[in-house]
Amino acid sequence: MKNVTDSFVFLGHWPSAGSFGFNTDILATNLINLSVVIGVLIFFGKGVSDLLDNRKQRILNTIRNSEELRGRAIEQLEKARTRLRKVEMEADQFRVNGYSEIEREKMNLINSTYKTLEQLENYKNETIHFEQQRAINQVRQRVFQQALQGALGTLNSCLNNELHLRTINANIGMFGAMKEITD
């Protein structure tokens, strides 16, 4: 141990000038070397520390920016998914409503066509019945007029005044009875 304490004492006492030589005291030279290395590291290490801090900050900023971008991307993705679901639901609803509207319009058209055909059939039947009745009435009137004219012609040629008046009265009674039957 005396050797170690001698080394420290020796450090405090430097010979002024003299010859150049090797210091064989290992402990003294190691301490000097270590102090030089530590001094160099401290002197040059401050710049390295700043570089490392700057690099660390850039990495942290990049991570923060990436997280923010990721969060915005996730948010936009959720919004897009929500819009997609909404659009799909609306498309399904339009499709369903479109099909039901088409079916409804088809049924309305079919029903309307049936009603129109039924009305046309009724109008046709009414027209035919009306024309038949009119034709029958015209034929009756002509037959009646011809029979009346024939009877009058026969009566005028064959009958005298008294017989003529009795026949007219009988025919008027017959016509009254016929009129009551047809009404």
C-alpha atoms as a PDB file:
ATOM      1  CA  MET A   1       0.000   0.000   0.000  1.00  0.00           C
ATOM      2  CA  LYS A   2       2.899   2.176   0.535  1.00  0.00           C
ATOM      3  CA  ASN A   3       3.467   1.988  -3.175  1.00  0.00           C
ATOM      4  CA  VAL A   4      -0.024   3.411  -3.886  1.00  0.00           C
ATOM      5  CA  THR A   5       0.369   6.348  -1.563  1.00  0.00           C
ATOM      6  CA  ASP A   6       3.776   7.052  -2.983  1.00  0.00           C
ATOM      7  CA  SER A   7       2.198   7.303  -6.402  1.00  0.00           C
ATOM      8  CA  PHE A   8      -0.207  10.020  -5.227  1.00  0.00           C
ATOM      9  CA  VAL A   9       2.555  11.906  -3.570  1.00  0.00           C
ATOM     10  CA  PHE A  10       4.577  11.529  -6.690  1.00  0.00           C
ATOM     11  CA  LEU A  11       1.732  13.080  -8.738  1.00  0.00           C
ATOM     12  CA  GLY A  12       1.859  16.215  -6.681  1.00  0.00           C
ATOM     13  CA  HIS A  13       5.588  16.616  -7.191  1.00  0.00           C
ATOM     14  CA  TRP A  14       6.706  16.846 -10.802  1.00  0.00           C
ATOM     15  CA  PRO A  15      10.277  17.314 -11.693  1.00  0.00           C
ATOM     16  CA  SER A  16      10.710  20.583 -13.535  1.00  0.00           C
ATOM     17  CA  ALA A  17      12.597  19.654 -16.601  1.00  0.00           C
ATOM     18  CA  GLY A  18      14.896  17.092 -17.434  1.00  0.00           C
ATOM     19  CA  SER A  19      15.042  14.215 -19.606  1.00  0.00           C
ATOM     20  CA  PHE A  20      12.325  12.540 -21.429  1.00  0.00           C
ATOM     21  CA  GLY A  21      11.586   9.012 -20.321  1.00  0.00           C
ATOM     22  CA  PHE A  22       9.043   6.371 -19.577  1.00  0.00           C
ATOM     23  CA  ASN A  23       7.048   6.445 -16.461  1.00  0.00           C
ATOM     24  CA  THR A  24       7.033   2.948 -15.134  1.00  0.00           C
ATOM     25  CA  ASP A  25       4.560   3.648 -12.387  1.00  0.00           C
ATOM     26  CA  ILE A  26       1.441   1.905 -13.763  1.00  0.00           C
ATOM     27  CA  LEU A  27      -1.075   3.385 -11.353  1.00  0.00           C
ATOM     28  CA  ALA A  28       0.008   6.943 -12.065  1.00  0.00           C
ATOM     29  CA  THR A  29      -0.053   6.486 -15.822  1.00  0.00           C
ATOM     30  CA  ASN A  30      -3.481   4.781 -15.750  1.00  0.00           C
ATOM     31  CA  LEU A  31      -4.968   7.645 -13.793  1.00  0.00           C
ATOM     32  CA  ILE A  32      -3.568  10.143 -16.257  1.00  0.00           C
ATOM     33  CA  ASN A  33      -4.756   8.142 -19.210  1.00  0.00           C
ATOM     34  CA  LEU A  34      -8.191   7.729 -17.667  1.00  0.00           C
ATOM     35  CA  SER A  35      -8.478  11.428 -16.886  1.00  0.00           C
ATOM     36  CA  VAL A  36      -7.481  12.295 -20.481  1.00  0.00           C
ATOM     37  CA  VAL A  37      -9.972   9.804 -21.925  1.00  0.00           C
ATOM     38  CA  ILE A  38     -12.750  11.024 -19.614  1.00  0.00           C
ATOM     39  CA  GLY A  39     -11.955  14.639 -20.508  1.00  0.00           C
ATOM     40  CA  VAL A  40     -12.019  13.865 -24.233  1.00  0.00           C
ATOM     41  CA  LEU A  41     -15.259  11.941 -23.838  1.00  0.00           C
ATOM     42  CA  ILE A  42     -16.836  14.772 -21.870  1.00  0.00           C
ATOM     43  CA  PHE A  43     -15.614  17.362 -24.334  1.00  0.00           C
ATOM     44  CA  PHE A  44     -16.665  15.471 -27.475  1.00  0.00           C
ATOM     45  CA  GLY A  45     -19.490  13.569 -25.823  1.00  0.00           C
ATOM     46  CA  LYS A  46     -21.640  16.664 -25.377  1.00  0.00           C
ATOM     47  CA  GLY A  47     -22.141  16.840 -29.146  1.00  0.00           C
ATOM     48  CA  VAL A  48     -22.919  13.135 -29.336  1.00  0.00           C
ATOM     49  CA  SER A  49     -25.456  13.495 -26.546  1.00  0.00           C
ATOM     50  CA  ASP A  50     -27.111  16.364 -28.418  1.00  0.00           C
ATOM     51  CA  LEU A  51     -27.135  14.290 -31.600  1.00  0.00           C
ATOM     52  CA  LEU A  52     -28.655  11.374 -29.728  1.00  0.00           C
ATOM     53  CA  ASP A  53     -31.249  13.649 -28.100  1.00  0.00           C
ATOM     54  CA  ASN A  54     -32.112  15.161 -31.489  1.00  0.00           C
ATOM     55  CA  ARG A  55     -32.384  11.710 -33.018  1.00  0.00           C
ATOM     56  CA  LYS A  56     -34.505  10.556 -30.091  1.00  0.00           C
ATOM     57  CA  GLN A  57     -36.814  13.583 -30.511  1.00  0.00           C
ATOM     58  CA  ARG A  58     -37.130  12.971 -34.266  1.00  0.00           C
ATOM     59  CA  ILE A  59     -37.968   9.329 -33.639  1.00  0.00           C
ATOM     60  CA  LEU A  60     -40.525  10.283 -30.967  1.00  0.00           C
ATOM     61  CA  ASN A  61     -42.029  12.925 -33.277  1.00  0.00           C
ATOM     62  CA  THR A  62     -42.191  10.402 -36.102  1.00  0.00           C
ATOM     63  CA  ILE A  63     -43.887   7.898 -33.788  1.00  0.00           C
ATOM     64  CA  ARG A  64     -46.338  10.577 -32.581  1.00  0.00           C
ATOM     65  CA  ASN A  65     -47.082  11.639 -36.160  1.00  0.00           C
ATOM     66  CA  SER A  66     -47.503   8.019 -37.170  1.00  0.00           C
ATOM     67  CA  GLU A  67     -49.886   7.438 -34.265  1.00  0.00           C
ATOM     68  CA  GLU A  68     -51.874  10.546 -35.192  1.00  0.00           C
ATOM     69  CA  LEU A  69     -51.994   9.471 -38.842  1.00  0.00           C
ATOM     70  CA  ARG A  70     -52.988   5.970 -37.770  1.00  0.00           C
ATOM     71  CA  GLY A  71     -55.730   7.379 -35.539  1.00  0.00           C
ATOM     72  CA  ARG A  72     -57.024   9.618 -38.353  1.00  0.00           C
ATOM     73  CA  ALA A  73     -56.844   6.710 -40.791  1.00  0.00           C
ATOM     74  CA  ILE A  74     -58.807   4.490 -38.397  1.00  0.00           C
ATOM     75  CA  GLU A  75     -61.348   7.271 -37.886  1.00  0.00           C
ATOM     76  CA  GLN A  76     -61.700   7.782 -41.645  1.00  0.00           C
ATOM     77  CA  LEU A  77     -61.991   4.036 -42.126  1.00  0.00           C
ATOM     78  CA  GLU A  78     -64.798   3.873 -39.553  1.00  0.00           C
ATOM     79  CA  LYS A  79     -66.549   6.806 -41.213  1.00  0.00           C
ATOM     80  CA  ALA A  80     -66.186   5.129 -44.590  1.00  0.00           C
ATOM     81  CA  ARG A  81     -67.538   1.852 -43.188  1.00  0.00           C
ATOM     82  CA  THR A  82     -70.465   3.700 -41.634  1.00  0.00           C
ATOM     83  CA  ARG A  83     -71.199   5.464 -44.928  1.00  0.00           C
ATOM     84  CA  LEU A  84     -70.885   2.157 -46.773  1.00  0.00           C
ATOM     85  CA  ARG A  85     -73.347   0.471 -44.409  1.00  0.00           C
ATOM     86  CA  LYS A  86     -75.732   3.402 -44.758  1.00  0.00           C
ATOM     87  CA  VAL A  87     -75.473   3.381 -48.554  1.00  0.00           C
ATOM     88  CA  GLU A  88     -75.944  -0.397 -48.647  1.00  0.00           C
ATOM     89  CA  MET A  89     -79.042  -0.103 -46.447  1.00  0.00           C
ATOM     90  CA  GLU A  90     -80.430   2.680 -48.648  1.00  0.00           C
ATOM     91  CA  ALA A  91     -79.688   0.640 -51.775  1.00  0.00           C
ATOM     92  CA  ASP A  92     -81.460  -2.377 -50.267  1.00  0.00           C
ATOM     93  CA  GLN A  93     -84.397  -0.194 -49.303  1.00  0.00           C
ATOM     94  CA  PHE A  94     -84.546   1.327 -52.802  1.00  0.00           C
ATOM     95  CA  ARG A  95     -84.365  -2.135 -54.294  1.00  0.00           C
ATOM     96  CA  VAL A  96     -87.157  -3.455 -52.044  1.00  0.00           C
ATOM     97  CA  ASN A  97     -89.269  -0.339 -52.511  1.00  0.00           C
ATOM     98  CA  GLY A  98     -88.651  -0.424 -56.243  1.00  0.00           C
ATOM     99  CA  TYR A  99     -89.766  -4.046 -56.520  1.00  0.00           C
ATOM    100  CA  SER A 100     -92.828  -3.492 -54.364  1.00  0.00           C
ATOM    101  CA  GLU A 101     -93.670  -0.301 -56.278  1.00  0.00           C
ATOM    102  CA  ILE A 102     -93.352  -2.164 -59.577  1.00  0.00           C
ATOM    103  CA  GLU A 103     -95.594  -4.958 -58.296  1.00  0.00           C
ATOM    104  CA  ARG A 104     -98.107  -2.434 -56.961  1.00  0.00           C
ATOM    105  CA  GLU A 105     -98.171  -0.554 -60.277  1.00  0.00           C
ATOM    106  CA  LYS A 106     -98.505  -3.827 -62.162  1.00  0.00           C
ATOM    107  CA  MET A 107    -101.491  -4.874 -60.030  1.00  0.00           C
ATOM    108  CA  ASN A 108    -103.063  -1.423 -60.389  1.00  0.00           C
ATOM    109  CA  LEU A 109    -102.663  -1.595 -64.165  1.00  0.00           C
ATOM    110  CA  ILE A 110    -104.143  -5.101 -64.313  1.00  0.00           C
ATOM    111  CA  ASN A 111    -107.097  -4.084 -62.108  1.00  0.00           C
ATOM    112  CA  SER A 112    -107.653  -0.919 -64.113  1.00  0.00           C
ATOM    113  CA  THR A 113    -107.579  -2.912 -67.363  1.00  0.00           C
ATOM    114  CA  TYR A 114    -110.100  -5.432 -65.993  1.00  0.00           C
ATOM    115  CA  LYS A 115    -112.396  -2.616 -64.865  1.00  0.00           C
ATOM    116  CA  THR A 116    -112.146  -0.890 -68.247  1.00  0.00           C
ATOM    117  CA  LEU A 117    -112.867  -4.169 -70.066  1.00  0.00           C
ATOM    118  CA  GLU A 118    -115.829  -4.829 -67.779  1.00  0.00           C
ATOM    119  CA  GLN A 119    -117.211  -1.340 -68.414  1.00  0.00           C
ATOM    120  CA  LEU A 120    -116.757  -1.756 -72.168  1.00  0.00           C
ATOM    121  CA  GLU A 121    -118.545  -5.127 -72.015  1.00  0.00           C
ATOM    122  CA  ASN A 122    -121.425  -3.537 -70.067  1.00  0.00           C
ATOM    123  CA  TYR A 123    -121.653  -0.642 -72.554  1.00  0.00           C
ATOM    124  CA  LYS A 124    -121.644  -3.104 -75.438  1.00  0.00           C
ATOM    125  CA  ASN A 125    -124.408  -5.194 -73.861  1.00  0.00           C
ATOM    126  CA  GLU A 126    -126.477  -2.103 -73.055  1.00  0.00           C
ATOM    127  CA  THR A 127    -126.035  -0.806 -76.603  1.00  0.00           C
ATOM    128  CA  ILE A 128    -127.011  -4.163 -78.103  1.00  0.00           C
ATOM    129  CA  HIS A 129    -130.066  -4.384 -75.832  1.00  0.00           C
ATOM    130  CA  PHE A 130    -131.066  -0.804 -76.654  1.00  0.00           C
ATOM    131  CA  GLU A 131    -130.670  -1.393 -80.390  1.00  0.00           C
ATOM    132  CA  GLN A 132    -132.666  -4.648 -80.154  1.00  0.00           C
ATOM    133  CA  GLN A 133    -135.499  -2.877 -78.309  1.00  0.00           C
ATOM    134  CA  ARG A 134    -135.469  -0.022 -80.811  1.00  0.00           C
ATOM    135  CA  ALA A 135    -135.543  -2.467 -83.755  1.00  0.00           C
ATOM    136  CA  ILE A 136    -138.378  -4.461 -82.140  1.00  0.00           C
ATOM    137  CA  ASN A 137    -140.364  -1.268 -81.498  1.00  0.00           C
ATOM    138  CA  GLN A 138    -139.841  -0.097 -85.089  1.00  0.00           C
ATOM    139  CA  VAL A 139    -140.969  -3.461 -86.449  1.00  0.00           C
ATOM    140  CA  ARG A 140    -144.032  -3.394 -84.165  1.00  0.00           C
ATOM    141  CA  GLN A 141    -144.919   0.093 -85.252  1.00  0.00           C
ATOM    142  CA  ARG A 142    -144.625  -0.775 -88.958  1.00  0.00           C
ATOM    143  CA  VAL A 143    -146.587  -4.020 -88.546  1.00  0.00           C
ATOM    144  CA  PHE A 144    -149.222  -2.166 -86.571  1.00  0.00           C
ATOM    145  CA  GLN A 145    -149.401   0.659 -89.127  1.00  0.00           C
ATOM    146  CA  GLN A 146    -149.625  -1.783 -92.029  1.00  0.00           C
ATOM    147  CA  ALA A 147    -152.281  -3.858 -90.253  1.00  0.00           C
ATOM    148  CA  LEU A 148    -154.205  -0.735 -89.387  1.00  0.00           C
ATOM    149  CA  GLN A 149    -153.999   0.582 -92.916  1.00  0.00           C
ATOM    150  CA  GLY A 150    -155.026  -2.797 -94.332  1.00  0.00           C
ATOM    151  CA  ALA A 151    -157.922  -3.075 -91.878  1.00  0.00           C
ATOM    152  CA  LEU A 152    -159.018   0.473 -92.575  1.00  0.00           C
ATOM    153  CA  GLY A 153    -158.837  -0.128 -96.299  1.00  0.00           C
ATOM    154  CA  THR A 154    -160.914  -3.308 -95.954  1.00  0.00           C
ATOM    155  CA  LEU A 155    -163.387  -1.665 -93.638  1.00  0.00           C
ATOM    156  CA  ASN A 156    -163.793   1.370 -95.826  1.00  0.00           C
ATOM    157  CA  SER A 157    -164.524  -0.755 -98.835  1.00  0.00           C
ATOM    158  CA  CYS A 158    -166.801  -3.289 -97.128  1.00  0.00           C
ATOM    159  CA  LEU A 159    -168.588  -1.525 -94.328  1.00  0.00           C
ATOM    160  CA  ASN A 160    -171.386   0.921 -94.137  1.00  0.00           C
ATOM    161  CA  ASN A 161    -171.443   3.808 -91.687  1.00  0.00           C
ATOM    162  CA  GLU A 162    -173.053   2.025 -88.774  1.00  0.00           C
ATOM    163  CA  LEU A 163    -170.841  -1.029 -89.009  1.00  0.00           C
ATOM    164  CA  HIS A 164    -167.922   1.260 -89.540  1.00  0.00           C
ATOM    165  CA  LEU A 165    -168.568   3.074 -86.228  1.00  0.00           C
ATOM    166  CA  ARG A 166    -168.980  -0.177 -84.283  1.00  0.00           C
ATOM    167  CA  THR A 167    -165.725  -1.546 -85.709  1.00  0.00           C
ATOM    168  CA  ILE A 168    -163.856   1.643 -84.853  1.00  0.00           C
ATOM    169  CA  ASN A 169    -165.139   1.523 -81.274  1.00  0.00           C
ATOM    170  CA  ALA A 170    -164.154  -2.146 -80.967  1.00  0.00           C
ATOM    171  CA  ASN A 171    -160.673  -1.417 -82.347  1.00  0.00           C
ATOM    172  CA  ILE A 172    -160.211   1.519 -80.022  1.00  0.00           C
ATOM    173  CA  GLY A 173    -161.055  -0.755 -77.101  1.00  0.00           C
ATOM    174  CA  MET A 174    -158.655  -3.382 -78.419  1.00  0.00           C
ATOM    175  CA  PHE A 175    -155.886  -0.783 -78.784  1.00  0.00           C
ATOM    176  CA  GLY A 176    -156.458   0.443 -75.252  1.00  0.00           C
ATOM    177  CA  ALA A 177    -156.134  -3.148 -73.956  1.00  0.00           C
ATOM    178  CA  MET A 178    -152.936  -3.679 -76.046  1.00  0.00           C
ATOM    179  CA  LYS A 179    -151.475  -0.463 -74.747  1.00  0.00           C
ATOM    180  CA  GLU A 180    -152.053  -1.534 -71.160  1.00  0.00           C
ATOM    181  CA  ILE A 181    -150.365  -4.899 -71.867  1.00  0.00           C
ATOM    182  CA  THR A 182    -147.255  -3.314 -73.472  1.00  0.00           C
ATOM    183  CA  ASP A 183    -146.837  -0.741 -70.731  1.00  0.00           C
END
